[in-house]
């Protein structure tokens, strides 16, 4: 089994966030339709899900400019949908 890295692009605009993963496709989430935004205090990832169940995980540590993505997420994601993710075995 071959595990090839896929170039992934995140686009954030005033209405939505898009994750573009080469031939794998595109996932688009409107800010207004976000239902859940899990944020891991330990590793910093954001697990975004909309009201239709579509979603993706953004891992800022894996991205050049990851802190800029985090700032934009904090600005755009409605506060009421944010919850803390806790990984089993992660230290506080």
PDB file of N, CA and C in Angstrom:
ATOM      1  N   UNK A   1       0.844  -1.176   0.000  1.00  0.00           N
ATOM      2  CA  UNK A   1       0.000   0.000   0.000  1.00  0.00           C
ATOM      3  C   UNK A   1       0.890   1.240   0.000  1.00  0.00           C
ATOM      4  N   UNK A   2       0.615   2.151  -0.879  1.00  0.00           N
ATOM      5  CA  UNK A   2       1.407   3.372  -1.019  1.00  0.00           C
ATOM      6  C   UNK A   2       0.660   4.534  -0.387  1.00  0.00           C
ATOM      7  N   UNK A   3       1.368   5.302   0.383  1.00  0.00           N
ATOM      8  CA  UNK A   3       0.758   6.462   1.036  1.00  0.00           C
ATOM      9  C   UNK A   3       1.393   7.720   0.465  1.00  0.00           C
ATOM     10  N   UNK A   4       0.748   8.328  -0.511  1.00  0.00           N
ATOM     11  CA  UNK A   4       1.272   9.537  -1.148  1.00  0.00           C
ATOM     12  C   UNK A   4       0.700  10.772  -0.463  1.00  0.00           C
ATOM     13  N   UNK A   5       1.542  11.787  -0.305  1.00  0.00           N
ATOM     14  CA  UNK A   5       1.072  13.056   0.260  1.00  0.00           C
ATOM     15  C   UNK A   5       0.298  13.816  -0.799  1.00  0.00           C
ATOM     16  N   UNK A   6      -0.819  14.366  -0.394  1.00  0.00           N
ATOM     17  CA  UNK A   6      -1.664  15.137  -1.296  1.00  0.00           C
ATOM     18  C   UNK A   6      -1.527  16.605  -0.924  1.00  0.00           C
ATOM     19  N   UNK A   7      -1.310  17.446  -1.929  1.00  0.00           N
ATOM     20  CA  UNK A   7      -1.247  18.886  -1.676  1.00  0.00           C
ATOM     21  C   UNK A   7      -2.634  19.368  -1.262  1.00  0.00           C
ATOM     22  N   UNK A   8      -2.699  20.014  -0.104  1.00  0.00           N
ATOM     23  CA  UNK A   8      -3.976  20.491   0.431  1.00  0.00           C
ATOM     24  C   UNK A   8      -3.892  22.005   0.609  1.00  0.00           C
ATOM     25  N   UNK A   9      -4.946  22.682   0.213  1.00  0.00           N
ATOM     26  CA  UNK A   9      -5.016  24.133   0.333  1.00  0.00           C
ATOM     27  C   UNK A   9      -6.233  24.509   1.158  1.00  0.00           C
ATOM     28  N   UNK A  10      -6.054  25.461   2.073  1.00  0.00           N
ATOM     29  CA  UNK A  10      -7.168  26.006   2.840  1.00  0.00           C
ATOM     30  C   UNK A  10      -7.418  27.426   2.347  1.00  0.00           C
ATOM     31  N   UNK A  11      -8.676  27.729   2.044  1.00  0.00           N
ATOM     32  CA  UNK A  11      -9.072  29.068   1.617  1.00  0.00           C
ATOM     33  C   UNK A  11     -10.117  29.561   2.611  1.00  0.00           C
ATOM     34  N   UNK A  12      -9.875  30.732   3.187  1.00  0.00           N
ATOM     35  CA  UNK A  12     -10.817  31.325   4.141  1.00  0.00           C
ATOM     36  C   UNK A  12     -11.268  32.666   3.583  1.00  0.00           C
ATOM     37  N   UNK A  13     -12.582  32.821   3.434  1.00  0.00           N
ATOM     38  CA  UNK A  13     -13.109  34.114   3.004  1.00  0.00           C
ATOM     39  C   UNK A  13     -14.235  34.528   3.946  1.00  0.00           C
ATOM     40  N   UNK A  14     -14.845  35.673   3.743  1.00  0.00           N
ATOM     41  CA  UNK A  14     -15.855  36.157   4.688  1.00  0.00           C
ATOM     42  C   UNK A  14     -17.057  35.225   4.867  1.00  0.00           C
ATOM     43  N   UNK A  15     -17.365  34.382   3.863  1.00  0.00           N
ATOM     44  CA  UNK A  15     -18.558  33.543   3.928  1.00  0.00           C
ATOM     45  C   UNK A  15     -18.307  32.084   4.250  1.00  0.00           C
ATOM     46  N   UNK A  16     -17.057  31.606   4.042  1.00  0.00           N
ATOM     47  CA  UNK A  16     -16.824  30.166   4.145  1.00  0.00           C
ATOM     48  C   UNK A  16     -15.350  29.829   4.307  1.00  0.00           C
ATOM     49  N   UNK A  17     -15.113  28.545   4.579  1.00  0.00           N
ATOM     50  CA  UNK A  17     -13.776  27.983   4.568  1.00  0.00           C
ATOM     51  C   UNK A  17     -13.814  26.802   3.604  1.00  0.00           C
ATOM     52  N   UNK A  18     -12.787  26.687   2.780  1.00  0.00           N
ATOM     53  CA  UNK A  18     -12.707  25.593   1.822  1.00  0.00           C
ATOM     54  C   UNK A  18     -11.438  24.807   2.058  1.00  0.00           C
ATOM     55  N   UNK A  19     -11.526  23.506   1.925  1.00  0.00           N
ATOM     56  CA  UNK A  19     -10.370  22.628   1.961  1.00  0.00           C
ATOM     57  C   UNK A  19     -10.305  21.980   0.586  1.00  0.00           C
ATOM     58  N   UNK A  20      -9.223  22.236  -0.128  1.00  0.00           N
ATOM     59  CA  UNK A  20      -9.047  21.705  -1.477  1.00  0.00           C
ATOM     60  C   UNK A  20      -7.911  20.697  -1.424  1.00  0.00           C
ATOM     61  N   UNK A  21      -8.211  19.440  -1.766  1.00  0.00           N
ATOM     62  CA  UNK A  21      -7.227  18.367  -1.660  1.00  0.00           C
ATOM     63  C   UNK A  21      -6.992  17.716  -3.019  1.00  0.00           C
ATOM     64  N   UNK A  22      -6.386  18.453  -3.918  1.00  0.00           N
ATOM     65  CA  UNK A  22      -6.019  17.911  -5.226  1.00  0.00           C
ATOM     66  C   UNK A  22      -7.146  17.147  -5.883  1.00  0.00           C
ATOM     67  N   UNK A  23      -6.840  15.929  -6.347  1.00  0.00           N
ATOM     68  CA  UNK A  23      -7.836  15.094  -7.026  1.00  0.00           C
ATOM     69  C   UNK A  23      -8.900  14.558  -6.074  1.00  0.00           C
ATOM     70  N   UNK A  24      -8.628  14.608  -4.766  1.00  0.00           N
ATOM     71  CA  UNK A  24      -9.593  14.107  -3.783  1.00  0.00           C
ATOM     72  C   UNK A  24     -10.823  14.998  -3.706  1.00  0.00           C
ATOM     73  N   UNK A  25     -10.693  16.246  -4.084  1.00  0.00           N
ATOM     74  CA  UNK A  25     -11.852  17.112  -4.134  1.00  0.00           C
ATOM     75  C   UNK A  25     -11.815  18.309  -3.207  1.00  0.00           C
ATOM     76  N   UNK A  26     -12.989  18.847  -2.987  1.00  0.00           N
ATOM     77  CA  UNK A  26     -13.161  20.091  -2.259  1.00  0.00           C
ATOM     78  C   UNK A  26     -14.269  19.922  -1.224  1.00  0.00           C
ATOM     79  N   UNK A  27     -14.024  20.448  -0.031  1.00  0.00           N
ATOM     80  CA  UNK A  27     -15.078  20.516   0.986  1.00  0.00           C
ATOM     81  C   UNK A  27     -15.238  21.984   1.338  1.00  0.00           C
ATOM     82  N   UNK A  28     -16.465  22.450   1.273  1.00  0.00           N
ATOM     83  CA  UNK A  28     -16.774  23.856   1.540  1.00  0.00           C
ATOM     84  C   UNK A  28     -17.737  23.938   2.712  1.00  0.00           C
ATOM     85  N   UNK A  29     -17.375  24.733   3.713  1.00  0.00           N
ATOM     86  CA  UNK A  29     -18.237  24.932   4.872  1.00  0.00           C
ATOM     87  C   UNK A  29     -18.539  26.416   5.019  1.00  0.00           C
ATOM     88  N   UNK A  30     -19.823  26.752   5.041  1.00  0.00           N
ATOM     89  CA  UNK A  30     -20.224  28.136   5.282  1.00  0.00           C
ATOM     90  C   UNK A  30     -20.151  28.407   6.775  1.00  0.00           C
ATOM     91  N   UNK A  31     -19.653  29.581   7.146  1.00  0.00           N
ATOM     92  CA  UNK A  31     -19.562  29.924   8.572  1.00  0.00           C
ATOM     93  C   UNK A  31     -20.927  29.815   9.238  1.00  0.00           C
ATOM     94  N   UNK A  32     -21.965  30.267   8.543  1.00  0.00           N
ATOM     95  CA  UNK A  32     -23.311  30.280   9.127  1.00  0.00           C
ATOM     96  C   UNK A  32     -23.869  28.873   9.345  1.00  0.00           C
ATOM     97  N   UNK A  33     -23.334  27.869   8.645  1.00  0.00           N
ATOM     98  CA  UNK A  33     -23.874  26.516   8.787  1.00  0.00           C
ATOM     99  C   UNK A  33     -23.010  25.620   9.673  1.00  0.00           C
ATOM    100  N   UNK A  34     -21.970  26.167  10.294  1.00  0.00           N
ATOM    101  CA  UNK A  34     -21.148  25.347  11.186  1.00  0.00           C
ATOM    102  C   UNK A  34     -21.969  24.911  12.392  1.00  0.00           C
ATOM    103  N   UNK A  35     -21.912  23.617  12.687  1.00  0.00           N
ATOM    104  CA  UNK A  35     -22.645  23.078  13.830  1.00  0.00           C
ATOM    105  C   UNK A  35     -21.711  22.747  14.983  1.00  0.00           C
ATOM    106  N   UNK A  36     -20.486  22.322  14.666  1.00  0.00           N
ATOM    107  CA  UNK A  36     -19.509  21.934  15.681  1.00  0.00           C
ATOM    108  C   UNK A  36     -18.110  22.364  15.247  1.00  0.00           C
ATOM    109  N   UNK A  37     -17.337  22.807  16.224  1.00  0.00           N
ATOM    110  CA  UNK A  37     -15.933  23.148  15.981  1.00  0.00           C
ATOM    111  C   UNK A  37     -15.135  22.687  17.188  1.00  0.00           C
ATOM    112  N   UNK A  38     -14.593  21.485  17.083  1.00  0.00           N
ATOM    113  CA  UNK A  38     -13.787  20.940  18.165  1.00  0.00           C
ATOM    114  C   UNK A  38     -12.367  21.442  18.073  1.00  0.00           C
ATOM    115  N   UNK A  39     -11.855  21.978  19.170  1.00  0.00           N
ATOM    116  CA  UNK A  39     -10.490  22.509  19.198  1.00  0.00           C
ATOM    117  C   UNK A  39      -9.694  21.728  20.236  1.00  0.00           C
ATOM    118  N   UNK A  40      -8.576  21.168  19.811  1.00  0.00           N
ATOM    119  CA  UNK A  40      -7.739  20.396  20.721  1.00  0.00           C
ATOM    120  C   UNK A  40      -6.720  21.311  21.392  1.00  0.00           C
ATOM    121  N   UNK A  41      -6.810  21.389  22.704  1.00  0.00           N
ATOM    122  CA  UNK A  41      -5.890  22.202  23.489  1.00  0.00           C
ATOM    123  C   UNK A  41      -4.463  21.644  23.417  1.00  0.00           C
ATOM    124  N   UNK A  42      -4.357  20.335  23.235  1.00  0.00           N
ATOM    125  CA  UNK A  42      -3.051  19.677  23.219  1.00  0.00           C
ATOM    126  C   UNK A  42      -2.315  19.859  21.882  1.00  0.00           C
ATOM    127  N   UNK A  43      -2.958  19.486  20.776  1.00  0.00           N
ATOM    128  CA  UNK A  43      -2.262  19.535  19.479  1.00  0.00           C
ATOM    129  C   UNK A  43      -2.670  20.720  18.614  1.00  0.00           C
ATOM    130  N   UNK A  44      -3.779  21.397  18.962  1.00  0.00           N
ATOM    131  CA  UNK A  44      -4.184  22.600  18.229  1.00  0.00           C
ATOM    132  C   UNK A  44      -5.056  22.365  17.008  1.00  0.00           C
ATOM    133  N   UNK A  45      -5.448  21.118  16.727  1.00  0.00           N
ATOM    134  CA  UNK A  45      -6.264  20.908  15.526  1.00  0.00           C
ATOM    135  C   UNK A  45      -7.687  21.418  15.730  1.00  0.00           C
ATOM    136  N   UNK A  46      -8.338  21.732  14.638  1.00  0.00           N
ATOM    137  CA  UNK A  46      -9.730  22.153  14.618  1.00  0.00           C
ATOM    138  C   UNK A  46     -10.512  21.131  13.808  1.00  0.00           C
ATOM    139  N   UNK A  47     -11.564  20.562  14.382  1.00  0.00           N
ATOM    140  CA  UNK A  47     -12.424  19.592  13.719  1.00  0.00           C
ATOM    141  C   UNK A  47     -13.741  20.299  13.421  1.00  0.00           C
ATOM    142  N   UNK A  48     -13.943  20.674  12.172  1.00  0.00           N
ATOM    143  CA  UNK A  48     -15.100  21.483  11.769  1.00  0.00           C
ATOM    144  C   UNK A  48     -16.165  20.619  11.111  1.00  0.00           C
ATOM    145  N   UNK A  49     -17.419  20.794  11.521  1.00  0.00           N
ATOM    146  CA  UNK A  49     -18.545  20.037  10.968  1.00  0.00           C
ATOM    147  C   UNK A  49     -19.725  20.977  10.775  1.00  0.00           C
ATOM    148  N   UNK A  50     -20.377  20.863   9.595  1.00  0.00           N
ATOM    149  CA  UNK A  50     -21.546  21.713   9.361  1.00  0.00           C
ATOM    150  C   UNK A  50     -22.834  20.966   9.691  1.00  0.00           C
ATOM    151  N   UNK A  51     -23.969  21.637   9.528  1.00  0.00           N
ATOM    152  CA  UNK A  51     -25.265  21.070   9.906  1.00  0.00           C
ATOM    153  C   UNK A  51     -25.650  19.861   9.056  1.00  0.00           C
ATOM    154  N   UNK A  52     -24.993  19.652   7.926  1.00  0.00           N
ATOM    155  CA  UNK A  52     -25.277  18.519   7.043  1.00  0.00           C
ATOM    156  C   UNK A  52     -24.333  17.344   7.280  1.00  0.00           C
ATOM    157  N   UNK A  53     -23.391  17.509   8.218  1.00  0.00           N
ATOM    158  CA  UNK A  53     -22.441  16.444   8.522  1.00  0.00           C
ATOM    159  C   UNK A  53     -21.145  16.499   7.739  1.00  0.00           C
ATOM    160  N   UNK A  54     -21.026  17.441   6.820  1.00  0.00           N
ATOM    161  CA  UNK A  54     -19.772  17.603   6.065  1.00  0.00           C
ATOM    162  C   UNK A  54     -18.747  18.260   6.973  1.00  0.00           C
ATOM    163  N   UNK A  55     -17.494  17.957   6.752  1.00  0.00           N
ATOM    164  CA  UNK A  55     -16.477  18.598   7.569  1.00  0.00           C
ATOM    165  C   UNK A  55     -15.087  18.112   7.270  1.00  0.00           C
ATOM    166  N   UNK A  56     -14.143  18.634   8.027  1.00  0.00           N
ATOM    167  CA  UNK A  56     -12.746  18.267   7.897  1.00  0.00           C
ATOM    168  C   UNK A  56     -11.986  18.747   9.117  1.00  0.00           C
ATOM    169  N   UNK A  57     -10.761  18.257   9.242  1.00  0.00           N
ATOM    170  CA  UNK A  57      -9.887  18.639  10.342  1.00  0.00           C
ATOM    171  C   UNK A  57      -8.767  19.504   9.782  1.00  0.00           C
ATOM    172  N   UNK A  58      -8.509  20.620  10.443  1.00  0.00           N
ATOM    173  CA  UNK A  58      -7.391  21.497  10.104  1.00  0.00           C
ATOM    174  C   UNK A  58      -6.333  21.320  11.187  1.00  0.00           C
ATOM    175  N   UNK A  59      -5.134  20.937  10.788  1.00  0.00           N
ATOM    176  CA  UNK A  59      -4.024  20.752  11.724  1.00  0.00           C
ATOM    177  C   UNK A  59      -2.997  21.865  11.492  1.00  0.00           C
ATOM    178  N   UNK A  60      -3.126  22.982  12.205  1.00  0.00           N
ATOM    179  CA  UNK A  60      -2.275  24.144  11.964  1.00  0.00           C
ATOM    180  C   UNK A  60      -0.771  23.868  12.061  1.00  0.00           C
ATOM    181  N   UNK A  61      -0.368  22.944  12.942  1.00  0.00           N
ATOM    182  CA  UNK A  61       1.058  22.649  13.091  1.00  0.00           C
ATOM    183  C   UNK A  61       1.654  22.057  11.818  1.00  0.00           C
ATOM    184  N   UNK A  62       0.809  21.501  10.966  1.00  0.00           N
ATOM    185  CA  UNK A  62       1.266  20.871   9.730  1.00  0.00           C
ATOM    186  C   UNK A  62       1.347  21.854   8.565  1.00  0.00           C
ATOM    187  N   UNK A  63       0.983  23.100   8.787  1.00  0.00           N
ATOM    188  CA  UNK A  63       0.864  24.062   7.691  1.00  0.00           C
ATOM    189  C   UNK A  63       1.804  25.243   7.893  1.00  0.00           C
ATOM    190  N   UNK A  64       2.443  25.640   6.829  1.00  0.00           N
ATOM    191  CA  UNK A  64       3.166  26.907   6.852  1.00  0.00           C
ATOM    192  C   UNK A  64       2.090  27.986   6.974  1.00  0.00           C
ATOM    193  N   UNK A  65       2.254  28.891   7.919  1.00  0.00           N
ATOM    194  CA  UNK A  65       1.233  29.913   8.152  1.00  0.00           C
ATOM    195  C   UNK A  65       0.080  29.422   9.000  1.00  0.00           C
ATOM    196  N   UNK A  66       0.287  28.319   9.723  1.00  0.00           N
ATOM    197  CA  UNK A  66      -0.774  27.721  10.526  1.00  0.00           C
ATOM    198  C   UNK A  66      -1.363  28.654  11.560  1.00  0.00           C
ATOM    199  N   UNK A  67      -0.544  29.497  12.166  1.00  0.00           N
ATOM    200  CA  UNK A  67      -1.057  30.423  13.177  1.00  0.00           C
ATOM    201  C   UNK A  67      -1.998  31.465  12.573  1.00  0.00           C
ATOM    202  N   UNK A  68      -1.757  31.812  11.316  1.00  0.00           N
ATOM    203  CA  UNK A  68      -2.667  32.736  10.632  1.00  0.00           C
ATOM    204  C   UNK A  68      -4.030  32.066  10.429  1.00  0.00           C
ATOM    205  N   UNK A  69      -4.015  30.768  10.090  1.00  0.00           N
ATOM    206  CA  UNK A  69      -5.270  30.032   9.944  1.00  0.00           C
ATOM    207  C   UNK A  69      -6.013  30.005  11.281  1.00  0.00           C
ATOM    208  N   UNK A  70      -5.290  29.758  12.377  1.00  0.00           N
ATOM    209  CA  UNK A  70      -5.914  29.732  13.709  1.00  0.00           C
ATOM    210  C   UNK A  70      -6.548  31.082  14.036  1.00  0.00           C
ATOM    211  N   UNK A  71      -5.837  32.165  13.768  1.00  0.00           N
ATOM    212  CA  UNK A  71      -6.404  33.505  14.022  1.00  0.00           C
ATOM    213  C   UNK A  71      -7.699  33.710  13.239  1.00  0.00           C
ATOM    214  N   UNK A  72      -7.689  33.317  11.976  1.00  0.00           N
ATOM    215  CA  UNK A  72      -8.883  33.492  11.145  1.00  0.00           C
ATOM    216  C   UNK A  72     -10.036  32.614  11.648  1.00  0.00           C
ATOM    217  N   UNK A  73      -9.721  31.377  12.074  1.00  0.00           N
ATOM    218  CA  UNK A  73     -10.763  30.511  12.622  1.00  0.00           C
ATOM    219  C   UNK A  73     -11.362  31.124  13.885  1.00  0.00           C
ATOM    220  N   UNK A  74     -10.523  31.644  14.761  1.00  0.00           N
ATOM    221  CA  UNK A  74     -11.016  32.267  15.999  1.00  0.00           C
ATOM    222  C   UNK A  74     -11.910  33.474  15.694  1.00  0.00           C
ATOM    223  N   UNK A  75     -11.606  34.194  14.617  1.00  0.00           N
ATOM    224  CA  UNK A  75     -12.411  35.351  14.222  1.00  0.00           C
ATOM    225  C   UNK A  75     -13.755  34.930  13.624  1.00  0.00           C
ATOM    226  N   UNK A  76     -13.756  33.855  12.850  1.00  0.00           N
ATOM    227  CA  UNK A  76     -14.920  33.503  12.039  1.00  0.00           C
ATOM    228  C   UNK A  76     -15.867  32.460  12.642  1.00  0.00           C
ATOM    229  N   UNK A  77     -15.332  31.494  13.372  1.00  0.00           N
ATOM    230  CA  UNK A  77     -16.174  30.406  13.883  1.00  0.00           C
ATOM    231  C   UNK A  77     -17.067  30.952  15.000  1.00  0.00           C
ATOM    232  N   UNK A  78     -18.378  30.745  14.894  1.00  0.00           N
ATOM    233  CA  UNK A  78     -19.285  31.218  15.949  1.00  0.00           C
ATOM    234  C   UNK A  78     -18.921  30.587  17.299  1.00  0.00           C
ATOM    235  N   UNK A  79     -18.813  31.402  18.322  1.00  0.00           N
ATOM    236  CA  UNK A  79     -18.382  30.964  19.648  1.00  0.00           C
ATOM    237  C   UNK A  79     -19.242  29.827  20.205  1.00  0.00           C
ATOM    238  N   UNK A  80     -20.515  29.840  19.901  1.00  0.00           N
ATOM    239  CA  UNK A  80     -21.438  28.849  20.449  1.00  0.00           C
ATOM    240  C   UNK A  80     -21.259  27.432  19.934  1.00  0.00           C
ATOM    241  N   UNK A  81     -20.475  27.230  18.872  1.00  0.00           N
ATOM    242  CA  UNK A  81     -20.281  25.878  18.330  1.00  0.00           C
ATOM    243  C   UNK A  81     -18.927  25.284  18.715  1.00  0.00           C
ATOM    244  N   UNK A  82     -18.103  26.054  19.429  1.00  0.00           N
ATOM    245  CA  UNK A  82     -16.758  25.611  19.783  1.00  0.00           C
ATOM    246  C   UNK A  82     -16.795  24.758  21.050  1.00  0.00           C
ATOM    247  N   UNK A  83     -16.099  23.620  21.008  1.00  0.00           N
ATOM    248  CA  UNK A  83     -15.951  22.775  22.186  1.00  0.00           C
ATOM    249  C   UNK A  83     -14.514  22.275  22.237  1.00  0.00           C
ATOM    250  N   UNK A  84     -14.090  21.794  23.388  1.00  0.00           N
ATOM    251  CA  UNK A  84     -12.718  21.319  23.565  1.00  0.00           C
ATOM    252  C   UNK A  84     -12.621  19.826  23.282  1.00  0.00           C
ATOM    253  N   UNK A  85     -11.654  19.455  22.457  1.00  0.00           N
ATOM    254  CA  UNK A  85     -11.375  18.049  22.144  1.00  0.00           C
ATOM    255  C   UNK A  85     -10.282  17.589  23.094  1.00  0.00           C
ATOM    256  N   UNK A  86     -10.454  16.391  23.641  1.00  0.00           N
ATOM    257  CA  UNK A  86      -9.436  15.803  24.518  1.00  0.00           C
ATOM    258  C   UNK A  86      -9.060  14.426  23.972  1.00  0.00           C
ATOM    259  N   UNK A  87      -7.803  14.288  23.589  1.00  0.00           N
ATOM    260  CA  UNK A  87      -7.324  12.993  23.081  1.00  0.00           C
ATOM    261  C   UNK A  87      -7.003  12.064  24.244  1.00  0.00           C
ATOM    262  N   UNK A  88      -7.348  10.794  24.127  1.00  0.00           N
ATOM    263  CA  UNK A  88      -6.997   9.839  25.180  1.00  0.00           C
ATOM    264  C   UNK A  88      -5.472   9.828  25.402  1.00  0.00           C
ATOM    265  N   UNK A  89      -5.075   9.907  26.650  1.00  0.00           N
ATOM    266  CA  UNK A  89      -3.653   9.854  26.983  1.00  0.00           C
ATOM    267  C   UNK A  89      -2.909  11.172  26.865  1.00  0.00           C
ATOM    268  N   UNK A  90      -3.544  12.213  26.354  1.00  0.00           N
ATOM    269  CA  UNK A  90      -2.880  13.512  26.243  1.00  0.00           C
ATOM    270  C   UNK A  90      -2.762  14.134  27.626  1.00  0.00           C
ATOM    271  N   UNK A  91      -1.593  14.671  27.911  1.00  0.00           N
ATOM    272  CA  UNK A  91      -1.397  15.291  29.225  1.00  0.00           C
ATOM    273  C   UNK A  91      -1.952  16.703  29.219  1.00  0.00           C
ATOM    274  N   UNK A  92      -2.415  17.132  30.365  1.00  0.00           N
ATOM    275  CA  UNK A  92      -2.980  18.481  30.523  1.00  0.00           C
ATOM    276  C   UNK A  92      -1.909  19.517  30.543  1.00  0.00           C
TER     277      UNK A  92
END
